């Protein structure tokens, strides 16, 4: 169960990263890109911690 949750968190984090890159490329404020990367990092950290507990 935790492995599925970790995989879903990781997929969401990759989506956030891609979303941030797209917004940066379209000229949106750099803070949008930074916020997306920060949220992606937090989700990936949570996924890593879940996998370690398996």
N, C-alpha and C. Protein backbone atom coordinates (compact mmCIF):
# COMPACT_ATOMS: atom_id res chain seq x y z
N UNK A 1 0.82 -1.20 0.00
CA UNK A 1 0.00 0.00 0.00
C UNK A 1 0.86 1.26 0.00
N UNK A 2 1.87 1.31 0.90
CA UNK A 2 2.72 2.50 0.95
C UNK A 2 3.47 2.70 -0.35
N UNK A 3 3.84 1.57 -1.00
CA UNK A 3 4.58 1.67 -2.25
C UNK A 3 3.73 2.35 -3.33
N UNK A 4 2.43 2.04 -3.38
CA UNK A 4 1.53 2.69 -4.34
C UNK A 4 1.40 4.17 -4.03
N UNK A 5 1.31 4.50 -2.77
CA UNK A 5 1.21 5.91 -2.37
C UNK A 5 2.49 6.64 -2.73
N UNK A 6 3.63 6.01 -2.47
CA UNK A 6 4.91 6.63 -2.80
C UNK A 6 5.03 6.85 -4.31
N UNK A 7 4.59 5.89 -5.09
CA UNK A 7 4.64 6.03 -6.55
C UNK A 7 3.75 7.18 -7.02
N UNK A 8 2.57 7.29 -6.41
CA UNK A 8 1.66 8.38 -6.77
C UNK A 8 2.25 9.73 -6.38
N UNK A 9 2.86 9.81 -5.19
CA UNK A 9 3.51 11.06 -4.78
C UNK A 9 4.63 11.43 -5.73
N UNK A 10 5.41 10.45 -6.12
CA UNK A 10 6.52 10.71 -7.04
C UNK A 10 5.99 11.19 -8.39
N UNK A 11 4.92 10.58 -8.88
CA UNK A 11 4.36 11.02 -10.16
C UNK A 11 3.85 12.46 -10.06
N UNK A 12 3.20 12.79 -8.95
CA UNK A 12 2.73 14.17 -8.76
C UNK A 12 3.90 15.14 -8.71
N UNK A 13 4.99 14.72 -8.08
CA UNK A 13 6.15 15.60 -7.99
C UNK A 13 6.75 15.83 -9.37
N UNK A 14 6.78 14.79 -10.20
CA UNK A 14 7.31 14.97 -11.56
C UNK A 14 6.40 15.88 -12.38
N UNK A 15 5.09 15.76 -12.18
CA UNK A 15 4.14 16.63 -12.87
C UNK A 15 4.33 18.09 -12.46
N UNK A 16 4.54 18.32 -11.16
CA UNK A 16 4.77 19.68 -10.68
C UNK A 16 6.05 20.26 -11.28
N UNK A 17 7.08 19.44 -11.36
CA UNK A 17 8.34 19.89 -11.94
C UNK A 17 8.14 20.29 -13.41
N UNK A 18 7.44 19.45 -14.17
CA UNK A 18 7.17 19.76 -15.58
C UNK A 18 6.31 21.02 -15.70
N UNK A 19 5.30 21.14 -14.85
CA UNK A 19 4.43 22.31 -14.85
C UNK A 19 5.24 23.58 -14.61
N UNK A 20 6.16 23.53 -13.65
CA UNK A 20 7.01 24.68 -13.37
C UNK A 20 7.88 25.05 -14.55
N UNK A 21 8.46 24.04 -15.21
CA UNK A 21 9.30 24.31 -16.39
C UNK A 21 8.50 24.96 -17.51
N UNK A 22 7.28 24.48 -17.72
CA UNK A 22 6.42 25.04 -18.77
C UNK A 22 6.09 26.50 -18.47
N UNK A 23 5.72 26.77 -17.22
CA UNK A 23 5.38 28.15 -16.85
C UNK A 23 6.60 29.07 -16.98
N UNK A 24 7.77 28.57 -16.62
CA UNK A 24 9.00 29.36 -16.76
C UNK A 24 9.27 29.66 -18.23
N UNK A 25 9.10 28.66 -19.09
CA UNK A 25 9.34 28.83 -20.52
C UNK A 25 8.35 29.80 -21.15
N UNK A 26 7.14 29.87 -20.60
CA UNK A 26 6.13 30.78 -21.13
C UNK A 26 6.26 32.20 -20.58
N UNK A 27 7.23 32.41 -19.70
CA UNK A 27 7.49 33.76 -19.22
C UNK A 27 6.77 34.16 -17.95
N UNK A 28 6.17 33.21 -17.26
CA UNK A 28 5.54 33.53 -15.98
C UNK A 28 6.62 33.88 -14.96
N UNK A 29 6.25 34.51 -13.86
CA UNK A 29 7.25 34.88 -12.86
C UNK A 29 8.07 33.68 -12.39
N UNK A 30 9.35 33.93 -12.14
CA UNK A 30 10.26 32.87 -11.70
C UNK A 30 9.79 32.27 -10.37
N UNK A 31 9.04 33.04 -9.59
CA UNK A 31 8.54 32.52 -8.32
C UNK A 31 7.58 31.35 -8.53
N UNK A 32 6.84 31.34 -9.65
CA UNK A 32 5.97 30.20 -9.97
C UNK A 32 6.81 28.94 -10.15
N UNK A 33 7.92 29.08 -10.88
CA UNK A 33 8.83 27.96 -11.11
C UNK A 33 9.42 27.48 -9.80
N UNK A 34 9.88 28.40 -8.98
CA UNK A 34 10.48 28.04 -7.70
C UNK A 34 9.48 27.37 -6.77
N UNK A 35 8.26 27.87 -6.74
CA UNK A 35 7.22 27.25 -5.90
C UNK A 35 6.91 25.83 -6.36
N UNK A 36 6.85 25.62 -7.67
CA UNK A 36 6.60 24.28 -8.19
C UNK A 36 7.72 23.32 -7.81
N UNK A 37 8.97 23.79 -7.91
CA UNK A 37 10.10 22.95 -7.55
C UNK A 37 10.10 22.64 -6.06
N UNK A 38 9.74 23.61 -5.25
CA UNK A 38 9.70 23.39 -3.81
C UNK A 38 8.64 22.36 -3.44
N UNK A 39 7.46 22.48 -4.03
CA UNK A 39 6.40 21.50 -3.75
C UNK A 39 6.80 20.11 -4.26
N UNK A 40 7.45 20.05 -5.42
CA UNK A 40 7.90 18.78 -5.97
C UNK A 40 8.93 18.13 -5.05
N UNK A 41 9.84 18.92 -4.52
CA UNK A 41 10.84 18.39 -3.60
C UNK A 41 10.19 17.80 -2.35
N UNK A 42 9.23 18.51 -1.80
CA UNK A 42 8.56 18.04 -0.59
C UNK A 42 7.83 16.72 -0.85
N UNK A 43 7.13 16.64 -1.98
CA UNK A 43 6.43 15.40 -2.31
C UNK A 43 7.40 14.25 -2.53
N UNK A 44 8.51 14.52 -3.19
CA UNK A 44 9.48 13.45 -3.42
C UNK A 44 10.13 13.00 -2.12
N UNK A 45 10.34 13.92 -1.22
CA UNK A 45 10.88 13.58 0.09
C UNK A 45 9.91 12.67 0.84
N UNK A 46 8.63 13.01 0.81
CA UNK A 46 7.62 12.17 1.45
C UNK A 46 7.59 10.78 0.83
N UNK A 47 7.69 10.71 -0.50
CA UNK A 47 7.71 9.41 -1.17
C UNK A 47 8.92 8.59 -0.73
N UNK A 48 10.08 9.22 -0.65
CA UNK A 48 11.30 8.52 -0.23
C UNK A 48 11.17 8.00 1.20
N UNK A 49 10.59 8.81 2.07
CA UNK A 49 10.42 8.38 3.45
C UNK A 49 9.43 7.21 3.56
N UNK A 50 8.39 7.23 2.75
CA UNK A 50 7.44 6.12 2.75
C UNK A 50 8.11 4.83 2.29
N UNK A 51 8.93 4.91 1.26
CA UNK A 51 9.60 3.73 0.73
C UNK A 51 10.57 3.17 1.75
N UNK A 52 11.24 4.04 2.50
CA UNK A 52 12.18 3.57 3.52
C UNK A 52 11.48 2.80 4.63
N UNK A 53 10.23 3.12 4.90
CA UNK A 53 9.49 2.48 5.97
C UNK A 53 8.87 1.15 5.57
N UNK A 54 9.01 0.77 4.32
CA UNK A 54 8.40 -0.49 3.86
C UNK A 54 9.22 -1.66 4.35
